[in-house]
């Protein structure tokens, strides 16, 4: 085998074939922070029900399960409110 053929095989073996993001899984906390930030950008001025609806969909899409209490806390985080002020 020639040097160029073996070099080509070595290069092919080291070739990146998947997106870099697939190589580093984000933690659940990181994913939740991203969902909250994106939801805040998209619907922060929405009412509690609309924000909760968007959060439910995004959590379902990412496969993250949260309790009702956690979801309520996320809604308040998106809206910048506290349970007493909503």
N, C-alpha and C. Protein backbone atom coordinates (compact mmCIF):
# COMPACT_ATOMS: atom_id res chain seq x y z
N UNK A 1 0.84 -1.16 0.00
CA UNK A 1 0.00 0.00 0.00
C UNK A 1 0.89 1.23 0.00
N UNK A 2 0.51 2.23 -0.73
CA UNK A 2 1.31 3.45 -0.81
C UNK A 2 1.06 4.31 0.42
N UNK A 3 1.99 5.24 0.64
CA UNK A 3 1.85 6.15 1.78
C UNK A 3 0.59 7.01 1.66
N UNK A 4 0.26 7.43 0.45
CA UNK A 4 -0.92 8.28 0.27
C UNK A 4 -2.19 7.51 0.56
N UNK A 5 -2.24 6.22 0.25
CA UNK A 5 -3.42 5.42 0.54
C UNK A 5 -3.58 5.22 2.03
N UNK A 6 -2.48 4.95 2.74
CA UNK A 6 -2.58 4.75 4.18
C UNK A 6 -2.88 6.08 4.88
N UNK A 7 -2.36 7.17 4.37
CA UNK A 7 -2.66 8.49 4.94
C UNK A 7 -4.13 8.82 4.75
N UNK A 8 -4.69 8.48 3.60
CA UNK A 8 -6.11 8.72 3.34
C UNK A 8 -6.98 7.92 4.29
N UNK A 9 -6.61 6.68 4.56
CA UNK A 9 -7.37 5.85 5.48
C UNK A 9 -7.31 6.40 6.90
N UNK A 10 -6.15 6.88 7.29
CA UNK A 10 -6.00 7.45 8.63
C UNK A 10 -6.82 8.73 8.75
N UNK A 11 -6.82 9.53 7.70
CA UNK A 11 -7.60 10.77 7.72
C UNK A 11 -9.09 10.45 7.79
N UNK A 12 -9.53 9.44 7.06
CA UNK A 12 -10.94 9.06 7.08
C UNK A 12 -11.34 8.55 8.46
N UNK A 13 -10.44 7.84 9.13
CA UNK A 13 -10.74 7.31 10.45
C UNK A 13 -10.89 8.43 11.48
N UNK A 14 -10.19 9.55 11.27
CA UNK A 14 -10.23 10.67 12.20
C UNK A 14 -11.23 11.75 11.79
N UNK A 15 -11.97 11.51 10.74
CA UNK A 15 -12.91 12.51 10.23
C UNK A 15 -14.11 12.65 11.15
N UNK A 16 -14.50 13.88 11.41
CA UNK A 16 -15.69 14.14 12.22
C UNK A 16 -16.91 13.88 11.38
N UNK A 17 -17.78 12.99 11.84
CA UNK A 17 -18.98 12.63 11.07
C UNK A 17 -20.26 13.04 11.76
N UNK A 18 -20.18 13.58 12.97
CA UNK A 18 -21.35 14.02 13.70
C UNK A 18 -21.16 15.47 14.11
N UNK A 19 -22.27 16.20 14.26
CA UNK A 19 -22.14 17.58 14.74
C UNK A 19 -21.46 17.61 16.10
N UNK A 20 -20.67 18.63 16.35
CA UNK A 20 -19.95 18.75 17.61
C UNK A 20 -20.91 18.73 18.81
N UNK A 21 -22.07 19.34 18.69
CA UNK A 21 -23.00 19.40 19.81
C UNK A 21 -23.44 18.02 20.25
N UNK A 22 -23.48 17.06 19.34
CA UNK A 22 -23.87 15.70 19.70
C UNK A 22 -22.82 15.04 20.59
N UNK A 23 -21.64 15.59 20.61
CA UNK A 23 -20.56 14.98 21.36
C UNK A 23 -20.58 15.41 22.84
N UNK A 24 -21.31 16.47 23.16
CA UNK A 24 -21.33 17.00 24.52
C UNK A 24 -22.78 17.20 24.93
N UNK A 25 -23.30 16.26 25.68
CA UNK A 25 -24.68 16.36 26.14
C UNK A 25 -24.79 17.43 27.22
N UNK A 26 -25.78 18.29 27.07
CA UNK A 26 -26.04 19.30 28.10
C UNK A 26 -26.73 18.64 29.27
N UNK A 27 -26.48 19.17 30.46
CA UNK A 27 -27.17 18.65 31.64
C UNK A 27 -28.63 19.08 31.59
N UNK A 28 -29.45 18.45 32.40
CA UNK A 28 -30.86 18.82 32.49
C UNK A 28 -30.98 20.28 32.91
N UNK A 29 -30.17 20.71 33.87
CA UNK A 29 -30.21 22.10 34.31
C UNK A 29 -29.87 23.06 33.18
N UNK A 30 -28.87 22.69 32.37
CA UNK A 30 -28.50 23.53 31.22
C UNK A 30 -29.64 23.59 30.22
N UNK A 31 -30.27 22.46 29.98
CA UNK A 31 -31.40 22.43 29.04
C UNK A 31 -32.56 23.26 29.55
N UNK A 32 -32.87 23.13 30.85
CA UNK A 32 -33.95 23.92 31.43
C UNK A 32 -33.64 25.41 31.35
N UNK A 33 -32.39 25.78 31.62
CA UNK A 33 -32.01 27.19 31.53
C UNK A 33 -32.19 27.71 30.10
N UNK A 34 -31.85 26.89 29.12
CA UNK A 34 -32.04 27.28 27.72
C UNK A 34 -33.51 27.41 27.35
N UNK A 35 -34.31 26.48 27.85
CA UNK A 35 -35.76 26.53 27.57
C UNK A 35 -36.37 27.77 28.20
N UNK A 36 -35.98 28.07 29.43
CA UNK A 36 -36.49 29.26 30.11
C UNK A 36 -36.08 30.52 29.35
N UNK A 37 -34.82 30.61 28.97
CA UNK A 37 -34.34 31.80 28.25
C UNK A 37 -35.07 31.98 26.93
N UNK A 38 -35.23 30.91 26.17
CA UNK A 38 -35.91 31.01 24.88
C UNK A 38 -37.39 31.34 25.05
N UNK A 39 -38.01 30.73 26.04
CA UNK A 39 -39.43 31.01 26.29
C UNK A 39 -39.61 32.46 26.72
N UNK A 40 -38.70 32.95 27.54
CA UNK A 40 -38.75 34.34 27.98
C UNK A 40 -38.68 35.27 26.77
N UNK A 41 -37.82 34.95 25.83
CA UNK A 41 -37.70 35.77 24.61
C UNK A 41 -38.97 35.72 23.78
N UNK A 42 -39.59 34.56 23.74
CA UNK A 42 -40.74 34.35 22.85
C UNK A 42 -42.07 34.81 23.44
N UNK A 43 -42.31 34.57 24.73
CA UNK A 43 -43.65 34.82 25.28
C UNK A 43 -43.65 35.39 26.69
N UNK A 44 -42.61 36.08 27.09
CA UNK A 44 -42.56 36.59 28.47
C UNK A 44 -43.72 37.53 28.78
N UNK A 45 -44.22 38.22 27.77
CA UNK A 45 -45.33 39.14 28.01
C UNK A 45 -46.68 38.43 27.96
N UNK A 46 -46.66 37.12 27.75
CA UNK A 46 -47.89 36.35 27.74
C UNK A 46 -48.40 36.12 29.15
N UNK A 47 -49.66 35.75 29.25
CA UNK A 47 -50.21 35.46 30.57
C UNK A 47 -49.69 34.10 31.06
N UNK A 48 -49.98 33.81 32.31
CA UNK A 48 -49.48 32.58 32.94
C UNK A 48 -49.83 31.34 32.11
N UNK A 49 -51.08 31.28 31.65
CA UNK A 49 -51.54 30.11 30.90
C UNK A 49 -50.75 29.93 29.60
N UNK A 50 -50.50 31.00 28.87
CA UNK A 50 -49.76 30.92 27.60
C UNK A 50 -48.31 30.48 27.84
N UNK A 51 -47.67 31.06 28.84
CA UNK A 51 -46.29 30.68 29.15
C UNK A 51 -46.23 29.21 29.54
N UNK A 52 -47.17 28.76 30.36
CA UNK A 52 -47.19 27.36 30.77
C UNK A 52 -47.40 26.44 29.56
N UNK A 53 -48.28 26.84 28.65
CA UNK A 53 -48.53 26.05 27.45
C UNK A 53 -47.26 25.88 26.61
N UNK A 54 -46.53 26.97 26.41
CA UNK A 54 -45.28 26.93 25.63
C UNK A 54 -44.24 26.08 26.36
N UNK A 55 -44.12 26.26 27.67
CA UNK A 55 -43.17 25.45 28.43
C UNK A 55 -43.50 23.97 28.35
N UNK A 56 -44.77 23.62 28.50
CA UNK A 56 -45.17 22.20 28.41
C UNK A 56 -44.73 21.59 27.07
N UNK A 57 -44.98 22.33 26.01
CA UNK A 57 -44.60 21.84 24.67
C UNK A 57 -43.09 21.66 24.55
N UNK A 58 -42.34 22.64 25.00
CA UNK A 58 -40.88 22.56 24.88
C UNK A 58 -40.30 21.48 25.78
N UNK A 59 -40.85 21.31 26.95
CA UNK A 59 -40.39 20.23 27.83
C UNK A 59 -40.71 18.87 27.21
N UNK A 60 -41.89 18.75 26.64
CA UNK A 60 -42.28 17.50 25.97
C UNK A 60 -41.35 17.23 24.78
N UNK A 61 -41.06 18.27 24.01
CA UNK A 61 -40.19 18.11 22.83
C UNK A 61 -38.78 17.66 23.21
N UNK A 62 -38.31 18.08 24.37
CA UNK A 62 -36.95 17.71 24.79
C UNK A 62 -36.92 16.47 25.67
N UNK A 63 -38.12 15.96 26.02
CA UNK A 63 -38.18 14.74 26.84
C UNK A 63 -37.85 14.96 28.30
N UNK A 64 -38.02 16.19 28.77
CA UNK A 64 -37.75 16.50 30.17
C UNK A 64 -39.06 16.44 30.95
N UNK A 65 -39.08 15.62 32.00
CA UNK A 65 -40.25 15.51 32.87
C UNK A 65 -40.02 16.36 34.11
N UNK A 66 -41.00 17.18 34.43
CA UNK A 66 -40.93 17.97 35.66
C UNK A 66 -42.25 17.82 36.40
N UNK A 67 -42.21 18.08 37.69
CA UNK A 67 -43.43 18.03 38.49
C UNK A 67 -44.25 19.29 38.21
N UNK A 68 -45.50 19.27 38.65
CA UNK A 68 -46.35 20.46 38.51
C UNK A 68 -45.72 21.66 39.23
N UNK A 69 -45.16 21.41 40.40
CA UNK A 69 -44.53 22.48 41.17
C UNK A 69 -43.32 23.05 40.43
N UNK A 70 -42.51 22.17 39.84
CA UNK A 70 -41.34 22.64 39.08
C UNK A 70 -41.78 23.45 37.87
N UNK A 71 -42.82 22.98 37.18
CA UNK A 71 -43.31 23.69 36.00
C UNK A 71 -43.84 25.07 36.40
N UNK A 72 -44.57 25.14 37.51
CA UNK A 72 -45.07 26.43 37.98
C UNK A 72 -43.91 27.37 38.30
N UNK A 73 -42.87 26.85 38.93
CA UNK A 73 -41.69 27.66 39.23
C UNK A 73 -41.03 28.16 37.94
N UNK A 74 -40.97 27.31 36.92
CA UNK A 74 -40.38 27.72 35.64
C UNK A 74 -41.22 28.81 34.98
N UNK A 75 -42.54 28.69 35.07
CA UNK A 75 -43.42 29.73 34.51
C UNK A 75 -43.12 31.06 35.19
N UNK A 76 -43.00 31.05 36.51
CA UNK A 76 -42.71 32.29 37.24
C UNK A 76 -41.32 32.82 36.88
N UNK A 77 -40.37 31.91 36.67
CA UNK A 77 -39.02 32.34 36.27
C UNK A 77 -39.08 33.02 34.90
N UNK A 78 -39.83 32.46 33.97
CA UNK A 78 -39.95 33.06 32.64
C UNK A 78 -40.58 34.44 32.74
N UNK A 79 -41.64 34.55 33.53
CA UNK A 79 -42.39 35.80 33.62
C UNK A 79 -41.77 36.81 34.58
N UNK A 80 -40.79 36.38 35.37
CA UNK A 80 -40.18 37.29 36.34
C UNK A 80 -41.12 37.64 37.48
N UNK A 81 -41.95 36.67 37.85
CA UNK A 81 -42.93 36.88 38.91
C UNK A 81 -42.69 35.90 40.03
N UNK A 82 -43.41 36.08 41.11
CA UNK A 82 -43.42 35.11 42.20
C UNK A 82 -44.84 34.56 42.28
N UNK A 83 -45.02 33.41 42.90
CA UNK A 83 -46.37 32.83 42.99
C UNK A 83 -47.39 33.81 43.60
N UNK A 84 -46.95 34.63 44.53
CA UNK A 84 -47.84 35.57 45.19
C UNK A 84 -48.25 36.72 44.25
N UNK A 85 -47.41 37.05 43.27
CA UNK A 85 -47.68 38.21 42.42
C UNK A 85 -48.41 37.90 41.13
N UNK A 86 -48.67 36.62 40.85
CA UNK A 86 -49.28 36.26 39.57
C UNK A 86 -50.77 36.39 39.55
